[in-house]
Amino acid sequence: MAGFRATQGADRTVTTIRANCPTCGDVQLRAADLVVRVCSDDESGSYTFRCPTCAVAVAKGASKRIVDLLVSSGVRMEVWRLPAELSEARTGGKLQPDDLLDFHLLLESDDWFAGVEAMVRRSPSA
C-alpha cells in the first residue's frame, strides 16, 4: 500500500487508493476495487485487488493501521476464520512416499471411495 489520495469528482469526493502491483508497479484504485480481509481468530489482515492494468490478482498482508485506513476509506471488509482442521488433534505417522503411491494406485480403481472408507474404518483413531 503506497498511499491514499482524495480527488474531487463532479458531485462527490472519490477516494483514490494507490497500491503496488508486482507486475505494473503503483496503480490507482477506487475503494470498490479492493477487499480487506481480517481473520477473526488471530486478527491478521490483508487486502486484495485485481490490477486495472494487467488484471493480475494481488493479495498483500496489512497491518491493523492499514486495515483501519482502508475500511474508513470505504473498502469492503470480509471477516473469515481459520479452518477448523488446524485445531484438530493430529494422530498417526507422517505421510511417506509409499503412502502416496498406495493412494495413487487406489484411485485407479472404480471403487476407490469404498476403499478409502474401509481404510478409515480400520484406522485406530476412527
Protein backbone atom coordinates (compact mmCIF):
# COMPACT_ATOMS: atom_id res chain seq x y z
CA MET A 1 0.00 0.00 0.00
CA ALA A 2 1.61 3.18 -1.11
CA GLY A 3 -0.96 5.77 0.00
CA PHE A 4 -4.34 7.45 -0.24
CA ARG A 5 -5.45 10.50 -2.11
CA ALA A 6 -8.91 12.08 -2.25
CA THR A 7 -9.82 13.78 -5.50
CA GLN A 8 -12.93 15.83 -6.25
CA GLY A 9 -15.43 14.31 -8.65
CA ALA A 10 -18.21 16.25 -10.36
CA ASP A 11 -20.65 15.84 -7.46
CA ARG A 12 -18.80 13.99 -4.68
CA THR A 13 -15.36 13.21 -3.27
CA VAL A 14 -13.86 10.00 -4.62
CA THR A 15 -11.09 8.33 -2.66
CA THR A 16 -8.21 7.15 -4.80
CA ILE A 17 -6.05 4.43 -3.32
CA ARG A 18 -2.57 3.83 -4.63
CA ALA A 19 -1.36 0.24 -4.32
CA ASN A 20 1.52 -1.73 -5.77
CA CYS A 21 1.10 -4.42 -8.42
CA PRO A 22 4.12 -6.76 -8.60
CA THR A 23 3.95 -6.58 -12.41
CA CYS A 24 3.00 -2.96 -13.12
CA GLY A 25 4.20 -1.06 -10.05
CA ASP A 26 2.00 1.63 -8.48
CA VAL A 27 -1.63 1.64 -9.68
CA GLN A 28 -4.61 3.83 -8.81
CA LEU A 29 -7.71 2.11 -7.40
CA ARG A 30 -11.10 3.10 -6.03
CA ALA A 31 -12.41 1.73 -2.73
CA ALA A 32 -14.75 -0.59 -4.67
CA ASP A 33 -11.71 -2.16 -6.39
CA LEU A 34 -10.29 -3.61 -3.15
CA VAL A 35 -11.41 -6.02 -0.45
CA VAL A 36 -9.96 -6.08 3.07
CA ARG A 37 -9.88 -9.50 4.76
CA VAL A 38 -9.48 -9.91 8.53
CA CYS A 39 -9.10 -13.23 10.32
CA SER A 40 -11.30 -13.26 13.44
CA ASP A 41 -9.09 -15.90 15.10
CA ASP A 42 -5.73 -14.11 15.04
CA GLU A 43 -6.75 -10.63 13.79
CA SER A 44 -4.32 -10.80 10.85
CA GLY A 45 -5.28 -8.61 7.93
CA SER A 46 -4.77 -8.44 4.19
CA TYR A 47 -6.18 -6.70 1.15
CA THR A 48 -6.80 -7.94 -2.36
CA PHE A 49 -7.39 -6.31 -5.72
CA ARG A 50 -7.18 -7.04 -9.41
CA CYS A 51 -4.66 -4.81 -11.16
CA PRO A 52 -6.53 -2.45 -13.50
CA THR A 53 -3.62 -2.57 -15.97
CA CYS A 54 -2.63 -6.24 -16.25
CA ALA A 55 -5.60 -7.93 -14.48
CA VAL A 56 -3.31 -9.92 -12.13
CA ALA A 57 -4.95 -10.77 -8.79
CA VAL A 58 -2.87 -9.26 -5.99
CA ALA A 59 -3.04 -10.08 -2.26
CA LYS A 60 -0.92 -8.32 0.34
CA GLY A 61 -0.67 -8.50 4.12
CA ALA A 62 -1.86 -5.43 6.00
CA SER A 63 -1.27 -4.13 9.50
CA LYS A 64 -4.20 -3.12 11.68
CA ARG A 65 -3.47 0.53 10.83
CA ILE A 66 -3.69 -0.15 7.06
CA VAL A 67 -6.86 -2.21 7.55
CA ASP A 68 -8.44 0.67 9.51
CA LEU A 69 -7.40 3.23 6.88
CA LEU A 70 -8.79 1.16 4.03
CA VAL A 71 -12.09 0.43 5.79
CA SER A 72 -12.51 4.10 6.76
CA SER A 73 -11.96 4.95 3.07
CA GLY A 74 -14.92 2.78 2.09
CA VAL A 75 -13.19 -0.52 1.23
CA ARG A 76 -15.43 -3.53 1.92
CA MET A 77 -14.24 -5.78 4.76
CA GLU A 78 -14.66 -9.57 4.91
CA VAL A 79 -14.14 -11.42 8.17
CA TRP A 80 -13.01 -15.05 7.96
CA ARG A 81 -11.97 -17.84 10.30
CA LEU A 82 -9.08 -20.28 10.26
CA PRO A 83 -10.13 -23.78 9.11
CA ALA A 84 -11.31 -25.97 11.99
CA GLU A 85 -8.85 -28.66 10.84
CA LEU A 86 -5.99 -26.58 12.22
CA SER A 87 -7.20 -27.18 15.77
CA GLU A 88 -7.85 -30.91 15.34
CA ALA A 89 -5.61 -33.37 17.16
CA ARG A 90 -3.03 -34.88 14.83
CA THR A 91 -2.56 -38.62 15.19
CA GLY A 92 -0.65 -41.19 13.21
CA GLY A 93 2.67 -41.10 11.48
CA LYS A 94 3.87 -38.72 8.82
CA LEU A 95 2.85 -39.30 5.24
CA GLN A 96 5.52 -41.35 3.48
CA PRO A 97 6.23 -41.67 -0.28
CA ASP A 98 4.84 -45.23 -0.22
CA ASP A 99 1.59 -43.91 1.25
CA LEU A 100 1.22 -41.55 -1.67
CA LEU A 101 1.91 -44.34 -4.17
CA ASP A 102 -0.65 -46.61 -2.44
CA PHE A 103 -3.23 -43.83 -2.60
CA HIS A 104 -2.49 -43.21 -6.29
CA LEU A 105 -2.99 -46.91 -7.04
CA LEU A 106 -6.21 -46.92 -5.03
CA LEU A 107 -7.58 -44.01 -7.09
CA GLU A 108 -7.14 -46.03 -10.28
CA SER A 109 -9.88 -48.46 -9.22
CA ASP A 110 -13.57 -47.83 -9.86
CA ASP A 111 -14.46 -48.40 -6.20
CA TRP A 112 -11.73 -46.16 -4.77
CA PHE A 113 -14.09 -44.32 -2.43
CA ALA A 114 -15.25 -47.55 -0.79
CA GLY A 115 -11.58 -48.46 -0.33
CA VAL A 116 -10.89 -45.15 1.43
CA GLU A 117 -13.94 -45.64 3.66
CA ALA A 118 -12.73 -49.12 4.61
CA MET A 119 -9.27 -47.77 5.50
CA VAL A 120 -10.78 -45.06 7.69
CA ARG A 121 -12.97 -47.59 9.49
CA ARG A 122 -9.89 -49.78 10.19
CA SER A 123 -7.89 -46.78 11.45
CA PRO A 124 -7.19 -46.87 15.22
CA SER A 125 -8.19 -43.21 15.58
CA ALA A 126 -11.60 -43.70 13.88
